[in-house]
Amino acid sequence: MIFTKNKASALQTLKQRWEMQNYESLDELLTAKKIQKKQNIIEYGVANYEKYRLFAWND
């Protein structure tokens, strides 16, 4: 049982525990999050490039 002052912090604690179950340490989790963030930025950039390229091709 998790004892906290409010629901928000209890949910945050549960979320952190759920995320941690797949990783050995906090550093490993944070590294995975950084990699995912960079990957999302790259995918967003590629999607925008594709959209711009198609737009430029139509001119």
PDB file of N, CA and C in Angstrom:
ATOM      1  N   MET A   1       0.836  -1.183   0.000  1.00  0.00           N
ATOM      2  CA  MET A   1       0.000   0.000   0.000  1.00  0.00           C
ATOM      3  C   MET A   1       0.879   1.245   0.000  1.00  0.00           C
ATOM      4  N   ILE A   2       0.485   2.215  -0.804  1.00  0.00           N
ATOM      5  CA  ILE A   2       1.246   3.461  -0.881  1.00  0.00           C
ATOM      6  C   ILE A   2       0.546   4.512  -0.023  1.00  0.00           C
ATOM      7  N   PHE A   3       1.289   5.098   0.900  1.00  0.00           N
ATOM      8  CA  PHE A   3       0.718   6.140   1.744  1.00  0.00           C
ATOM      9  C   PHE A   3       1.234   7.496   1.295  1.00  0.00           C
ATOM     10  N   THR A   4       0.358   8.310   0.752  1.00  0.00           N
ATOM     11  CA  THR A   4       0.741   9.650   0.322  1.00  0.00           C
ATOM     12  C   THR A   4      -0.339  10.636   0.737  1.00  0.00           C
ATOM     13  N   LYS A   5      -0.029  11.928   0.579  1.00  0.00           N
ATOM     14  CA  LYS A   5      -0.956  12.960   1.027  1.00  0.00           C
ATOM     15  C   LYS A   5      -2.124  13.163   0.070  1.00  0.00           C
ATOM     16  N   ASN A   6      -1.912  12.928  -1.217  1.00  0.00           N
ATOM     17  CA  ASN A   6      -3.009  13.134  -2.168  1.00  0.00           C
ATOM     18  C   ASN A   6      -2.967  12.119  -3.307  1.00  0.00           C
ATOM     19  N   LYS A   7      -4.039  12.102  -4.082  1.00  0.00           N
ATOM     20  CA  LYS A   7      -4.158  11.120  -5.166  1.00  0.00           C
ATOM     21  C   LYS A   7      -3.126  11.337  -6.260  1.00  0.00           C
ATOM     22  N   ALA A   8      -2.840  12.605  -6.569  1.00  0.00           N
ATOM     23  CA  ALA A   8      -1.905  12.897  -7.659  1.00  0.00           C
ATOM     24  C   ALA A   8      -0.524  12.311  -7.383  1.00  0.00           C
ATOM     25  N   SER A   9      -0.033  12.487  -6.155  1.00  0.00           N
ATOM     26  CA  SER A   9       1.293  11.944  -5.854  1.00  0.00           C
ATOM     27  C   SER A   9       1.255  10.418  -5.792  1.00  0.00           C
ATOM     28  N   ALA A  10       0.129   9.842  -5.380  1.00  0.00           N
ATOM     29  CA  ALA A  10       0.009   8.379  -5.375  1.00  0.00           C
ATOM     30  C   ALA A  10       0.046   7.841  -6.801  1.00  0.00           C
ATOM     31  N   LEU A  11      -0.653   8.521  -7.715  1.00  0.00           N
ATOM     32  CA  LEU A  11      -0.641   8.093  -9.117  1.00  0.00           C
ATOM     33  C   LEU A  11       0.747   8.246  -9.718  1.00  0.00           C
ATOM     34  N   GLN A  12       1.434   9.342  -9.362  1.00  0.00           N
ATOM     35  CA  GLN A  12       2.795   9.562  -9.860  1.00  0.00           C
ATOM     36  C   GLN A  12       3.722   8.443  -9.378  1.00  0.00           C
ATOM     37  N   THR A  13       3.587   8.058  -8.120  1.00  0.00           N
ATOM     38  CA  THR A  13       4.409   6.988  -7.566  1.00  0.00           C
ATOM     39  C   THR A  13       4.135   5.667  -8.275  1.00  0.00           C
ATOM     40  N   LEU A  14       2.863   5.375  -8.515  1.00  0.00           N
ATOM     41  CA  LEU A  14       2.514   4.146  -9.230  1.00  0.00           C
ATOM     42  C   LEU A  14       3.078   4.149 -10.640  1.00  0.00           C
ATOM     43  N   LYS A  15       2.984   5.300 -11.320  1.00  0.00           N
ATOM     44  CA  LYS A  15       3.511   5.421 -12.684  1.00  0.00           C
ATOM     45  C   LYS A  15       5.019   5.182 -12.693  1.00  0.00           C
ATOM     46  N   GLN A  16       5.722   5.777 -11.727  1.00  0.00           N
ATOM     47  CA  GLN A  16       7.167   5.591 -11.653  1.00  0.00           C
ATOM     48  C   GLN A  16       7.528   4.133 -11.403  1.00  0.00           C
ATOM     49  N   ARG A  17       6.793   3.475 -10.518  1.00  0.00           N
ATOM     50  CA  ARG A  17       7.063   2.056 -10.252  1.00  0.00           C
ATOM     51  C   ARG A  17       6.795   1.204 -11.482  1.00  0.00           C
ATOM     52  N   TRP A  18       5.724   1.524 -12.215  1.00  0.00           N
ATOM     53  CA  TRP A  18       5.390   0.774 -13.411  1.00  0.00           C
ATOM     54  C   TRP A  18       6.466   0.958 -14.476  1.00  0.00           C
ATOM     55  N   GLU A  19       6.956   2.199 -14.634  1.00  0.00           N
ATOM     56  CA  GLU A  19       8.030   2.448 -15.603  1.00  0.00           C
ATOM     57  C   GLU A  19       9.317   1.745 -15.199  1.00  0.00           C
ATOM     58  N   MET A  20       9.602   1.710 -13.905  1.00  0.00           N
ATOM     59  CA  MET A  20      10.854   1.135 -13.421  1.00  0.00           C
ATOM     60  C   MET A  20      10.906  -0.381 -13.539  1.00  0.00           C
ATOM     61  N   GLN A  21       9.764  -1.042 -13.638  1.00  0.00           N
ATOM     62  CA  GLN A  21       9.779  -2.509 -13.629  1.00  0.00           C
ATOM     63  C   GLN A  21      10.500  -3.091 -14.845  1.00  0.00           C
ATOM     64  N   ASN A  22      10.627  -2.307 -15.931  1.00  0.00           N
ATOM     65  CA  ASN A  22      11.304  -2.806 -17.128  1.00  0.00           C
ATOM     66  C   ASN A  22      12.789  -2.464 -17.171  1.00  0.00           C
ATOM     67  N   TYR A  23      13.265  -1.700 -16.194  1.00  0.00           N
ATOM     68  CA  TYR A  23      14.651  -1.238 -16.222  1.00  0.00           C
ATOM     69  C   TYR A  23      15.357  -1.606 -14.930  1.00  0.00           C
ATOM     70  N   GLU A  24      16.684  -1.764 -15.035  1.00  0.00           N
ATOM     71  CA  GLU A  24      17.492  -2.140 -13.873  1.00  0.00           C
ATOM     72  C   GLU A  24      17.675  -0.973 -12.914  1.00  0.00           C
ATOM     73  N   SER A  25      17.838   0.241 -13.477  1.00  0.00           N
ATOM     74  CA  SER A  25      18.120   1.394 -12.619  1.00  0.00           C
ATOM     75  C   SER A  25      17.431   2.640 -13.160  1.00  0.00           C
ATOM     76  N   LEU A  26      17.420   3.677 -12.345  1.00  0.00           N
ATOM     77  CA  LEU A  26      16.820   4.940 -12.748  1.00  0.00           C
ATOM     78  C   LEU A  26      17.576   5.551 -13.930  1.00  0.00           C
ATOM     79  N   ASP A  27      18.915   5.420 -13.928  1.00  0.00           N
ATOM     80  CA  ASP A  27      19.711   5.954 -15.036  1.00  0.00           C
ATOM     81  C   ASP A  27      19.326   5.302 -16.355  1.00  0.00           C
ATOM     82  N   GLU A  28      19.100   4.013 -16.324  1.00  0.00           N
ATOM     83  CA  GLU A  28      18.707   3.287 -17.535  1.00  0.00           C
ATOM     84  C   GLU A  28      17.353   3.781 -18.039  1.00  0.00           C
ATOM     85  N   LEU A  29      16.422   4.017 -17.124  1.00  0.00           N
ATOM     86  CA  LEU A  29      15.101   4.526 -17.479  1.00  0.00           C
ATOM     87  C   LEU A  29      15.212   5.913 -18.097  1.00  0.00           C
ATOM     88  N   LEU A  30      15.988   6.791 -17.475  1.00  0.00           N
ATOM     89  CA  LEU A  30      16.136   8.159 -17.979  1.00  0.00           C
ATOM     90  C   LEU A  30      16.813   8.170 -19.348  1.00  0.00           C
ATOM     91  N   THR A  31      17.789   7.301 -19.548  1.00  0.00           N
ATOM     92  CA  THR A  31      18.454   7.194 -20.845  1.00  0.00           C
ATOM     93  C   THR A  31      17.467   6.746 -21.916  1.00  0.00           C
ATOM     94  N   ALA A  32      16.628   5.776 -21.588  1.00  0.00           N
ATOM     95  CA  ALA A  32      15.622   5.296 -22.535  1.00  0.00           C
ATOM     96  C   ALA A  32      14.638   6.412 -22.878  1.00  0.00           C
ATOM     97  N   LYS A  33      14.262   7.210 -21.887  1.00  0.00           N
ATOM     98  CA  LYS A  33      13.336   8.329 -22.132  1.00  0.00           C
ATOM     99  C   LYS A  33      13.973   9.374 -23.043  1.00  0.00           C
ATOM    100  N   LYS A  34      15.265   9.675 -22.829  1.00  0.00           N
ATOM    101  CA  LYS A  34      15.967  10.649 -23.673  1.00  0.00           C
ATOM    102  C   LYS A  34      16.032  10.165 -25.112  1.00  0.00           C
ATOM    103  N   ILE A  35      16.345   8.871 -25.291  1.00  0.00           N
ATOM    104  CA  ILE A  35      16.423   8.294 -26.635  1.00  0.00           C
ATOM    105  C   ILE A  35      15.057   8.371 -27.310  1.00  0.00           C
ATOM    106  N   GLN A  36      13.991   8.050 -26.577  1.00  0.00           N
ATOM    107  CA  GLN A  36      12.639   8.097 -27.134  1.00  0.00           C
ATOM    108  C   GLN A  36      12.282   9.521 -27.536  1.00  0.00           C
ATOM    109  N   LYS A  37      12.655  10.489 -26.715  1.00  0.00           N
ATOM    110  CA  LYS A  37      12.353  11.887 -27.016  1.00  0.00           C
ATOM    111  C   LYS A  37      13.062  12.321 -28.297  1.00  0.00           C
ATOM    112  N   LYS A  38      14.350  11.966 -28.428  1.00  0.00           N
ATOM    113  CA  LYS A  38      15.103  12.301 -29.639  1.00  0.00           C
ATOM    114  C   LYS A  38      14.496  11.628 -30.856  1.00  0.00           C
ATOM    115  N   GLN A  39      14.070  10.391 -30.705  1.00  0.00           N
ATOM    116  CA  GLN A  39      13.467   9.656 -31.805  1.00  0.00           C
ATOM    117  C   GLN A  39      12.159  10.328 -32.246  1.00  0.00           C
ATOM    118  N   ASN A  40      11.361  10.789 -31.267  1.00  0.00           N
ATOM    119  CA  ASN A  40      10.114  11.481 -31.594  1.00  0.00           C
ATOM    120  C   ASN A  40      10.390  12.769 -32.357  1.00  0.00           C
ATOM    121  N   ILE A  41      11.434  13.507 -31.938  1.00  0.00           N
ATOM    122  CA  ILE A  41      11.795  14.754 -32.618  1.00  0.00           C
ATOM    123  C   ILE A  41      12.227  14.452 -34.052  1.00  0.00           C
ATOM    124  N   ILE A  42      13.023  13.412 -34.234  1.00  0.00           N
ATOM    125  CA  ILE A  42      13.492  13.040 -35.578  1.00  0.00           C
ATOM    126  C   ILE A  42      12.308  12.627 -36.449  1.00  0.00           C
ATOM    127  N   GLU A  43      11.399  11.812 -35.925  1.00  0.00           N
ATOM    128  CA  GLU A  43      10.235  11.382 -36.697  1.00  0.00           C
ATOM    129  C   GLU A  43       9.369  12.572 -37.081  1.00  0.00           C
ATOM    130  N   TYR A  44       9.211  13.530 -36.163  1.00  0.00           N
ATOM    131  CA  TYR A  44       8.433  14.739 -36.447  1.00  0.00           C
ATOM    132  C   TYR A  44       9.093  15.538 -37.568  1.00  0.00           C
ATOM    133  N   GLY A  45      10.426  15.665 -37.507  1.00  0.00           N
ATOM    134  CA  GLY A  45      11.166  16.391 -38.544  1.00  0.00           C
ATOM    135  C   GLY A  45      11.058  15.714 -39.897  1.00  0.00           C
ATOM    136  N   VAL A  46      11.158  14.404 -39.923  1.00  0.00           N
ATOM    137  CA  VAL A  46      11.042  13.656 -41.182  1.00  0.00           C
ATOM    138  C   VAL A  46       9.644  13.822 -41.766  1.00  0.00           C
ATOM    139  N   ALA A  47       8.617  13.761 -40.922  1.00  0.00           N
ATOM    140  CA  ALA A  47       7.242  13.924 -41.402  1.00  0.00           C
ATOM    141  C   ALA A  47       7.049  15.318 -41.997  1.00  0.00           C
ATOM    142  N   ASN A  48       7.587  16.337 -41.330  1.00  0.00           N
ATOM    143  CA  ASN A  48       7.464  17.696 -41.853  1.00  0.00           C
ATOM    144  C   ASN A  48       8.237  17.861 -43.161  1.00  0.00           C
ATOM    145  N   TYR A  49       9.406  17.234 -43.246  1.00  0.00           N
ATOM    146  CA  TYR A  49      10.197  17.300 -44.477  1.00  0.00           C
ATOM    147  C   TYR A  49       9.427  16.661 -45.626  1.00  0.00           C
ATOM    148  N   GLU A  50       8.829  15.507 -45.379  1.00  0.00           N
ATOM    149  CA  GLU A  50       8.052  14.820 -46.411  1.00  0.00           C
ATOM    150  C   GLU A  50       6.885  15.696 -46.869  1.00  0.00           C
ATOM    151  N   LYS A  51       6.215  16.314 -45.917  1.00  0.00           N
ATOM    152  CA  LYS A  51       5.081  17.178 -46.237  1.00  0.00           C
ATOM    153  C   LYS A  51       5.549  18.369 -47.075  1.00  0.00           C
ATOM    154  N   TYR A  52       6.670  18.979 -46.680  1.00  0.00           N
ATOM    155  CA  TYR A  52       7.197  20.126 -47.416  1.00  0.00           C
ATOM    156  C   TYR A  52       7.637  19.717 -48.818  1.00  0.00           C
ATOM    157  N   ARG A  53       8.285  18.549 -48.911  1.00  0.00           N
ATOM    158  CA  ARG A  53       8.768  18.071 -50.209  1.00  0.00           C
ATOM    159  C   ARG A  53       7.600  17.852 -51.166  1.00  0.00           C
ATOM    160  N   LEU A  54       6.514  17.244 -50.656  1.00  0.00           N
ATOM    161  CA  LEU A  54       5.340  17.019 -51.491  1.00  0.00           C
ATOM    162  C   LEU A  54       4.720  18.350 -51.917  1.00  0.00           C
ATOM    163  N   PHE A  55       4.689  19.306 -50.988  1.00  0.00           N
ATOM    164  CA  PHE A  55       4.134  20.620 -51.277  1.00  0.00           C
ATOM    165  C   PHE A  55       4.978  21.318 -52.349  1.00  0.00           C
ATOM    166  N   ALA A  56       6.307  21.251 -52.217  1.00  0.00           N
ATOM    167  CA  ALA A  56       7.205  21.898 -53.174  1.00  0.00           C
ATOM    168  C   ALA A  56       7.108  21.222 -54.551  1.00  0.00           C
ATOM    169  N   TRP A  57       6.921  19.904 -54.553  1.00  0.00           N
ATOM    170  CA  TRP A  57       6.819  19.170 -55.805  1.00  0.00           C
ATOM    171  C   TRP A  57       5.586  19.595 -56.599  1.00  0.00           C
ATOM    172  N   ASN A  58       4.500  19.957 -55.893  1.00  0.00           N
ATOM    173  CA  ASN A  58       3.259  20.337 -56.556  1.00  0.00           C
ATOM    174  C   ASN A  58       3.310  21.725 -57.174  1.00  0.00           C
ATOM    175  N   ASP A  59       4.270  22.559 -56.793  1.00  0.00           N
ATOM    176  CA  ASP A  59       4.332  23.925 -57.333  1.00  0.00           C
ATOM    177  C   ASP A  59       4.802  23.975 -58.759  1.00  0.00           C
TER     178      ASP A  59
END
